[in-house]
Amino acid sequence: MKVAVGLSGGVDSSVAAALLKEKGHEVIGLFMKLWDGAALPSGGQNACYGPDEPSDVEVARSVAQHLAIPFHVLDLAGEYRATVLDYFREEYIAGRTPNPCIRCNQRVKFGALITRALQAGIVFDYFATGHYARAEYDEEKGRFLLKKGRDVRKDQSYWLAFLGQQQLAMTLFPLCEYTKPKVREKARDFGLSTCDKPDSQDFFAGDYKKLIGAAARPGPIIDRSGKVLGSHQGVWSYTIGQRKGLGIAAKQPLYVIDIDRKKNAVVVGCAEELSHGGLIASNLHLIASDAINGPRAVEVKIRYTQQGCAGAVTQLDSETVSVCFEEPQPAITPGQAVVLYEDESVLGGAIIERAVD
């Protein structure tokens, strides 16, 4: 088969390409250029977007040369800004906490990149990445399923929960059965220069507040009763669960427990006030079925780093679900994704609107 691999200059995508080549497939390397050259605030390294990109291009190119496969750099900076960065900025200004990686996967990496490559005359049958996840066709259901990767510590199905059937149908995940240590071992076996390269940490490694670039909009920091405890310069500087940087002296630790967009207020409280029994989420995207019939027992993840918890989901309409947890969960954050699992399969995902009790 002809397989295009999204090469990022990291070890995972490098090994994915090498494994496909080893199996005899005709492999093509694709690098999606995202940084538009904009001046950025200083920060760390190993991010997807930023001035490190030229060096990542050269690393990916060297991997392609080592594997003797064609390599193409496709400029998607315009699409990335319109689809991911503008969304990121607008969500934060609205007092929500966006998930740029999920949006990028759905619309850029598994969307615009493939479209642009085909428009450029690059012919391939499948698209592959270095994600730790599985895509399998279920004969009984007549649809493709997205499943967890075998390495539970590296499973990345959460980031892919908004992929559609057409995307899953043409996607390969060569690392689906591998653990991260095994991938680095394979990289050394293949003689890849990326074998010891650190993992990418985030889509942007600097100060988020400076990346947003919004003018100050002062407002109060209040408790649940409405008592003013301090002030802020913009709600985009805060996220649910945040403890540091509040600038408030208190007898007990305070956390951001809510952001009131109408009042332009940041609401703080003690740790016990962070937890809720459920949530409402919109922009429902289902993978394993067309609809959710009645309350359905699921495993729920409200953030990638979460272990996952037991709960039940009820579909309220075509776009909205209600999720109830068996045990209250902390820091339910509007703008983040809630991903629903049935055993190893992703039932679907939605965007958190608010916490409920």
Protein backbone atom coordinates (compact mmCIF):
# COMPACT_ATOMS: atom_id res chain seq x y z
CA MET A 1 0.00 0.00 0.00
CA LYS A 2 0.98 3.63 -0.39
CA VAL A 3 0.97 5.19 3.07
CA ALA A 4 1.57 8.85 3.89
CA VAL A 5 3.00 9.33 7.37
CA GLY A 6 2.73 12.57 9.32
CA LEU A 7 6.41 13.04 10.24
CA SER A 8 6.87 15.57 13.04
CA GLY A 9 10.56 15.10 13.75
CA GLY A 10 9.75 13.08 16.88
CA VAL A 11 10.52 9.49 17.75
CA ASP A 12 6.94 8.19 17.51
CA SER A 13 6.23 9.28 13.94
CA SER A 14 9.75 8.23 12.90
CA VAL A 15 9.23 4.68 14.17
CA ALA A 16 5.73 4.58 12.64
CA ALA A 17 7.27 5.30 9.24
CA ALA A 18 10.05 2.79 9.76
CA LEU A 19 7.64 0.02 10.77
CA LEU A 20 5.51 0.61 7.68
CA LYS A 21 8.58 0.58 5.45
CA GLU A 22 9.76 -2.65 7.11
CA LYS A 23 6.41 -4.26 6.26
CA GLY A 24 6.96 -3.46 2.59
CA HIS A 25 4.61 -0.52 2.15
CA GLU A 26 5.45 2.43 -0.07
CA VAL A 27 5.89 5.19 2.51
CA ILE A 28 5.76 8.96 2.01
CA GLY A 29 6.71 11.49 4.69
CA LEU A 30 4.55 14.58 5.22
CA PHE A 31 5.51 17.48 7.49
CA MET A 32 2.85 20.06 8.27
CA LYS A 33 4.34 23.51 8.67
CA LEU A 34 2.31 25.38 11.31
CA TRP A 35 4.37 28.32 12.49
CA ASP A 36 3.73 31.46 10.45
CA GLY A 37 6.83 33.27 11.70
CA ALA A 38 4.91 35.35 14.24
CA ALA A 39 6.92 36.70 17.15
CA LEU A 40 6.15 34.64 20.23
CA PRO A 41 6.72 35.07 23.96
CA SER A 42 9.68 33.14 25.29
CA GLY A 43 9.11 29.75 26.82
CA GLY A 44 10.21 26.15 26.74
CA GLN A 45 10.96 23.91 23.81
CA ASN A 46 9.51 20.79 22.19
CA ALA A 47 6.23 22.38 21.19
CA CYS A 48 4.23 21.86 18.00
CA TYR A 49 3.95 25.58 17.23
CA GLY A 50 6.90 27.93 17.44
CA PRO A 51 10.38 28.89 16.25
CA ASP A 52 11.78 25.38 16.82
CA GLU A 53 9.89 24.27 13.72
CA PRO A 54 12.76 24.69 11.19
CA SER A 55 14.93 22.31 13.21
CA ASP A 56 12.03 19.83 13.41
CA VAL A 57 11.71 20.00 9.63
CA GLU A 58 15.37 19.10 9.21
CA VAL A 59 15.11 16.23 11.70
CA ALA A 60 12.07 14.86 9.86
CA ARG A 61 13.87 15.29 6.55
CA SER A 62 16.89 13.38 7.86
CA VAL A 63 14.60 10.55 9.04
CA ALA A 64 13.04 10.38 5.57
CA GLN A 65 16.50 10.30 3.97
CA HIS A 66 17.61 7.56 6.37
CA LEU A 67 14.53 5.50 5.45
CA ALA A 68 14.88 6.38 1.75
CA ILE A 69 11.32 7.68 1.45
CA PRO A 70 9.98 10.83 -0.27
CA PHE A 71 9.49 13.84 1.97
CA HIS A 72 7.17 16.82 1.54
CA VAL A 73 6.75 19.96 3.63
CA LEU A 74 3.21 21.34 3.37
CA ASP A 75 2.50 24.88 4.56
CA LEU A 76 -0.65 24.85 6.71
CA ALA A 77 0.16 27.94 8.77
CA GLY A 78 -2.89 29.81 7.48
CA GLU A 79 -5.27 26.96 8.22
CA TYR A 80 -3.70 26.44 11.63
CA ARG A 81 -4.09 30.07 12.62
CA ALA A 82 -7.72 30.24 11.47
CA THR A 83 -8.70 26.84 12.85
CA VAL A 84 -6.66 26.47 16.03
CA LEU A 85 -5.01 29.72 17.16
CA ASP A 86 -8.03 31.98 16.58
CA TYR A 87 -10.27 29.43 18.31
CA PHE A 88 -7.79 29.20 21.19
CA ARG A 89 -7.78 32.97 21.64
CA GLU A 90 -11.55 33.39 21.37
CA GLU A 91 -12.26 30.61 23.86
CA TYR A 92 -9.87 31.98 26.48
CA ILE A 93 -11.24 35.51 26.11
CA ALA A 94 -14.73 34.05 26.64
CA GLY A 95 -13.58 32.56 29.95
CA ARG A 96 -13.31 28.98 28.69
CA THR A 97 -10.28 26.67 28.52
CA PRO A 98 -9.91 25.31 24.96
CA ASN A 99 -8.28 22.09 23.84
CA PRO A 100 -6.19 23.06 20.80
CA CYS A 101 -4.68 19.58 20.25
CA ILE A 102 -8.07 17.92 19.80
CA ARG A 103 -9.13 20.61 17.36
CA CYS A 104 -5.86 20.35 15.45
CA ASN A 105 -6.16 16.57 15.10
CA GLN A 106 -9.73 16.73 13.86
CA ARG A 107 -9.38 19.62 11.42
CA VAL A 108 -5.72 20.04 10.54
CA LYS A 109 -3.61 16.90 10.97
CA PHE A 110 -6.33 14.46 9.87
CA GLY A 111 -8.06 17.05 7.71
CA ALA A 112 -6.28 19.93 5.99
CA LEU A 113 -2.96 18.05 5.81
CA ILE A 114 -4.50 15.15 3.91
CA THR A 115 -6.50 17.46 1.65
CA ARG A 116 -3.47 19.62 0.85
CA ALA A 117 -1.31 16.58 0.09
CA LEU A 118 -3.87 15.14 -2.32
CA GLN A 119 -4.30 18.54 -3.98
CA ALA A 120 -0.52 18.64 -4.48
CA GLY A 121 -0.70 15.38 -6.42
CA ILE A 122 0.75 13.21 -3.64
CA VAL A 123 -1.02 9.90 -4.08
CA PHE A 124 -1.55 7.50 -1.15
CA ASP A 125 -4.06 4.94 0.10
CA TYR A 126 -3.73 5.48 3.83
CA PHE A 127 -2.54 8.09 6.29
CA ALA A 128 -0.55 7.10 9.38
CA THR A 129 0.64 8.84 12.53
CA GLY A 130 2.63 7.95 15.63
CA HIS A 131 -0.36 8.09 17.97
CA TYR A 132 -0.83 5.35 20.57
CA ALA A 133 -4.34 4.28 19.61
CA ARG A 134 -6.16 1.69 17.47
CA ALA A 135 -8.60 2.03 14.59
CA GLU A 136 -10.54 -1.15 13.78
CA TYR A 137 -13.52 -1.99 11.61
CA ASP A 138 -16.40 -3.67 13.44
CA GLU A 139 -18.30 -5.97 11.10
CA GLU A 140 -21.32 -6.25 13.39
CA LYS A 141 -21.72 -2.50 13.77
CA GLY A 142 -20.66 -1.74 10.21
CA ARG A 143 -18.42 1.11 11.31
CA PHE A 144 -14.87 1.94 12.31
CA LEU A 145 -14.06 2.09 16.00
CA LEU A 146 -11.41 4.07 17.79
CA LYS A 147 -9.84 2.09 20.63
CA LYS A 148 -7.29 2.69 23.33
CA GLY A 149 -3.64 1.95 22.62
CA ARG A 150 -2.17 -1.09 24.36
CA ASP A 151 0.15 1.10 26.45
CA VAL A 152 -2.33 2.49 28.98
CA ARG A 153 0.23 5.06 30.16
CA LYS A 154 0.57 6.51 26.65
CA ASP A 155 -2.92 5.90 25.26
CA GLN A 156 -3.83 8.91 23.09
CA SER A 157 -7.37 7.99 22.03
CA TYR A 158 -8.60 10.99 24.07
CA TRP A 159 -6.93 13.37 21.59
CA LEU A 160 -8.57 11.59 18.63
CA ALA A 161 -12.14 11.31 19.90
CA PHE A 162 -13.52 13.77 17.33
CA LEU A 163 -12.28 11.92 14.23
CA GLY A 164 -15.00 10.88 11.79
CA GLN A 165 -15.67 7.60 10.02
CA GLN A 166 -13.95 8.66 6.80
CA GLN A 167 -10.88 9.74 8.73
CA LEU A 168 -10.69 6.49 10.70
CA ALA A 169 -11.25 4.44 7.55
CA MET A 170 -8.03 5.71 5.97
CA THR A 171 -5.91 5.94 9.13
CA LEU A 172 -3.25 3.54 10.37
CA PHE A 173 -1.68 3.62 13.83
CA PRO A 174 1.50 1.51 13.54
CA LEU A 175 2.35 2.01 17.24
CA CYS A 176 -1.02 0.69 18.46
CA GLU A 177 0.49 -2.42 20.10
CA TYR A 178 3.71 -0.78 21.34
CA THR A 179 4.80 0.73 24.65
CA LYS A 180 6.89 3.89 24.68
CA PRO A 181 10.08 2.12 25.87
CA LYS A 182 9.65 -0.41 23.06
CA VAL A 183 9.27 2.40 20.52
CA ARG A 184 12.56 3.95 21.63
CA GLU A 185 14.17 0.52 21.43
CA LYS A 186 12.85 0.10 17.88
CA ALA A 187 14.16 3.57 16.99
CA ARG A 188 17.65 2.47 18.02
CA ASP A 189 17.27 -0.77 16.05
CA PHE A 190 16.31 1.25 12.97
CA GLY A 191 19.23 3.63 13.54
CA LEU A 192 16.95 6.66 13.83
CA SER A 193 18.44 9.90 15.13
CA THR A 194 15.21 10.60 17.04
CA CYS A 195 15.63 7.64 19.41
CA ASP A 196 16.41 9.83 22.43
CA LYS A 197 14.56 13.00 21.41
CA PRO A 198 12.27 14.32 24.21
CA ASP A 199 8.53 14.13 23.64
CA SER A 200 6.59 17.20 22.55
CA GLN A 201 5.08 18.74 25.68
CA ASP A 202 2.24 20.85 24.29
CA PHE A 203 1.12 22.76 21.23
CA PHE A 204 2.84 25.91 22.61
CA ALA A 205 5.57 26.04 25.23
CA GLY A 206 5.45 29.69 26.31
CA ASP A 207 3.18 31.94 28.35
CA TYR A 208 -0.42 31.35 27.23
CA LYS A 209 -1.55 34.78 28.40
CA LYS A 210 0.96 36.50 26.13
CA LEU A 211 0.03 34.27 23.21
CA ILE A 212 -3.60 35.39 23.55
CA GLY A 213 -2.51 39.03 23.19
CA ALA A 214 -5.77 40.50 24.53
CA ALA A 215 -6.06 43.96 26.07
CA ALA A 216 -6.54 44.03 29.83
CA ARG A 217 -10.14 43.81 31.04
CA PRO A 218 -10.06 44.18 34.83
CA GLY A 219 -12.67 42.51 36.99
CA PRO A 220 -13.22 41.12 40.49
CA ILE A 221 -12.09 37.89 42.09
CA ILE A 222 -14.98 36.80 44.31
CA ASP A 223 -16.12 33.90 46.47
CA ARG A 224 -19.43 32.05 46.09
CA SER A 225 -21.25 34.64 48.20
CA GLY A 226 -20.08 37.44 45.90
CA LYS A 227 -17.58 38.90 48.35
CA VAL A 228 -14.72 40.63 46.50
CA LEU A 229 -11.37 39.14 47.51
CA GLY A 230 -9.15 40.64 44.82
CA SER A 231 -9.00 41.69 41.19
CA HIS A 232 -7.83 40.32 37.86
CA GLN A 233 -6.77 41.81 34.54
CA GLY A 234 -8.60 39.34 32.32
CA VAL A 235 -10.48 36.07 32.83
CA TRP A 236 -8.28 34.43 30.17
CA SER A 237 -5.47 34.30 32.74
CA TYR A 238 -7.37 31.71 34.78
CA THR A 239 -8.69 28.19 34.44
CA ILE A 240 -10.83 25.96 36.66
CA GLY A 241 -8.74 24.30 39.36
CA GLN A 242 -5.99 26.92 39.25
CA ARG A 243 -4.39 27.63 42.63
CA LYS A 244 -1.23 29.60 41.92
CA GLY A 245 -1.13 33.21 40.78
CA LEU A 246 -4.36 34.36 42.43
CA GLY A 247 -2.66 37.04 44.50
CA ILE A 248 -5.01 36.49 47.44
CA ALA A 249 -4.00 35.90 51.05
CA ALA A 250 -6.29 33.40 52.77
CA LYS A 251 -6.30 31.05 55.75
CA GLN A 252 -6.83 28.05 53.47
CA PRO A 253 -5.76 27.34 49.88
CA LEU A 254 -8.10 28.87 47.31
CA TYR A 255 -8.80 27.54 43.82
CA VAL A 256 -10.59 28.90 40.79
CA ILE A 257 -13.95 27.12 40.94
CA ASP A 258 -15.84 29.08 38.28
CA ILE A 259 -15.54 31.89 35.74
CA ASP A 260 -18.59 34.13 35.49
CA ARG A 261 -18.41 35.60 32.00
CA LYS A 262 -21.43 37.86 32.47
CA LYS A 263 -19.93 39.52 35.54
CA ASN A 264 -16.36 39.28 34.17
CA ALA A 265 -15.55 37.66 37.52
CA VAL A 266 -13.24 34.89 38.64
CA VAL A 267 -14.86 32.82 41.40
CA VAL A 268 -12.64 31.13 43.98
CA GLY A 269 -13.29 28.66 46.77
CA CYS A 270 -11.82 25.84 48.82
CA ALA A 271 -10.86 22.42 47.43
CA GLU A 272 -14.23 20.88 48.38
CA GLU A 273 -16.03 23.38 46.12
CA LEU A 274 -14.11 22.15 43.07
CA SER A 275 -15.95 18.84 42.76
CA HIS A 276 -19.30 18.21 41.07
CA GLY A 277 -21.51 15.24 40.39
CA GLY A 278 -21.91 15.73 36.66
CA LEU A 279 -21.69 17.97 33.62
CA ILE A 280 -23.47 19.14 30.49
CA ALA A 281 -21.55 18.97 27.23
CA SER A 282 -22.29 20.11 23.67
CA ASN A 283 -20.91 19.53 20.16
CA LEU A 284 -21.48 15.81 20.61
CA HIS A 285 -19.47 13.61 18.26
CA LEU A 286 -20.20 9.87 18.30
CA ILE A 287 -17.94 7.16 16.88
CA ALA A 288 -19.23 3.79 18.10
CA SER A 289 -22.93 4.47 17.48
CA ASP A 290 -25.31 6.94 15.87
CA ALA A 291 -27.08 7.79 19.10
CA ILE A 292 -27.07 7.08 22.83
CA ASN A 293 -30.23 5.31 23.92
CA GLY A 294 -31.20 6.00 27.52
CA PRO A 295 -28.70 6.39 30.36
CA ARG A 296 -25.64 4.43 29.32
CA ALA A 297 -22.87 3.25 31.61
CA VAL A 298 -19.50 4.59 30.44
CA GLU A 299 -15.98 5.33 31.53
CA VAL A 300 -15.48 9.10 31.51
CA LYS A 301 -12.36 11.20 31.01
CA ILE A 302 -12.64 14.96 31.48
CA ARG A 303 -8.93 15.54 30.82
CA TYR A 304 -6.14 13.57 29.18
CA THR A 305 -4.19 13.11 32.40
CA GLN A 306 -7.19 11.66 34.23
CA GLN A 307 -7.30 7.95 34.95
CA GLY A 308 -10.96 7.78 33.93
CA CYS A 309 -14.00 7.33 36.17
CA ALA A 310 -17.31 5.48 36.12
CA GLY A 311 -20.41 7.34 35.08
CA ALA A 312 -23.55 7.36 32.96
CA VAL A 313 -24.33 9.43 29.88
CA THR A 314 -27.74 10.54 28.62
CA GLN A 315 -28.21 12.16 25.22
CA LEU A 316 -30.42 15.23 25.56
CA ASP A 317 -30.58 16.15 21.86
CA SER A 318 -28.48 15.70 18.72
CA GLU A 319 -25.75 17.97 20.08
CA THR A 320 -25.92 17.69 23.86
CA VAL A 321 -25.32 15.10 26.58
CA SER A 322 -25.60 14.97 30.34
CA VAL A 323 -22.97 12.99 32.24
CA CYS A 324 -23.37 11.84 35.86
CA PHE A 325 -20.40 10.50 37.81
CA GLU A 326 -20.51 7.70 40.35
CA GLU A 327 -18.17 9.82 42.47
CA PRO A 328 -17.89 13.64 42.26
CA GLN A 329 -15.04 14.83 40.04
CA PRO A 330 -12.84 17.92 40.52
CA ALA A 331 -12.13 20.80 38.16
CA ILE A 332 -14.77 20.24 35.48
CA THR A 333 -13.64 22.81 32.94
CA PRO A 334 -15.83 24.44 30.25
CA GLY A 335 -14.14 24.26 26.86
CA GLN A 336 -12.32 21.02 27.57
CA ALA A 337 -13.34 17.70 26.03
CA VAL A 338 -15.19 14.94 27.83
CA VAL A 339 -14.49 11.58 26.20
CA LEU A 340 -16.73 8.57 26.79
CA TYR A 341 -15.51 4.98 26.66
CA GLU A 342 -17.16 1.57 26.56
CA ASP A 343 -14.48 -0.94 27.50
CA GLU A 344 -11.62 -0.27 25.07
CA SER A 345 -13.66 1.71 22.53
CA VAL A 346 -14.36 5.43 22.34
CA LEU A 347 -18.13 5.90 22.30
CA GLY A 348 -17.63 9.58 21.49
CA GLY A 349 -16.67 12.99 22.77
CA ALA A 350 -18.23 16.38 23.51
CA ILE A 351 -17.17 19.82 24.74
CA ILE A 352 -17.90 20.61 28.39
CA GLU A 353 -20.31 23.52 28.87
CA ARG A 354 -20.80 23.51 32.62
CA ALA A 355 -20.67 21.44 35.77
CA VAL A 356 -23.89 20.30 37.45
CA ASP A 357 -24.75 18.68 40.79
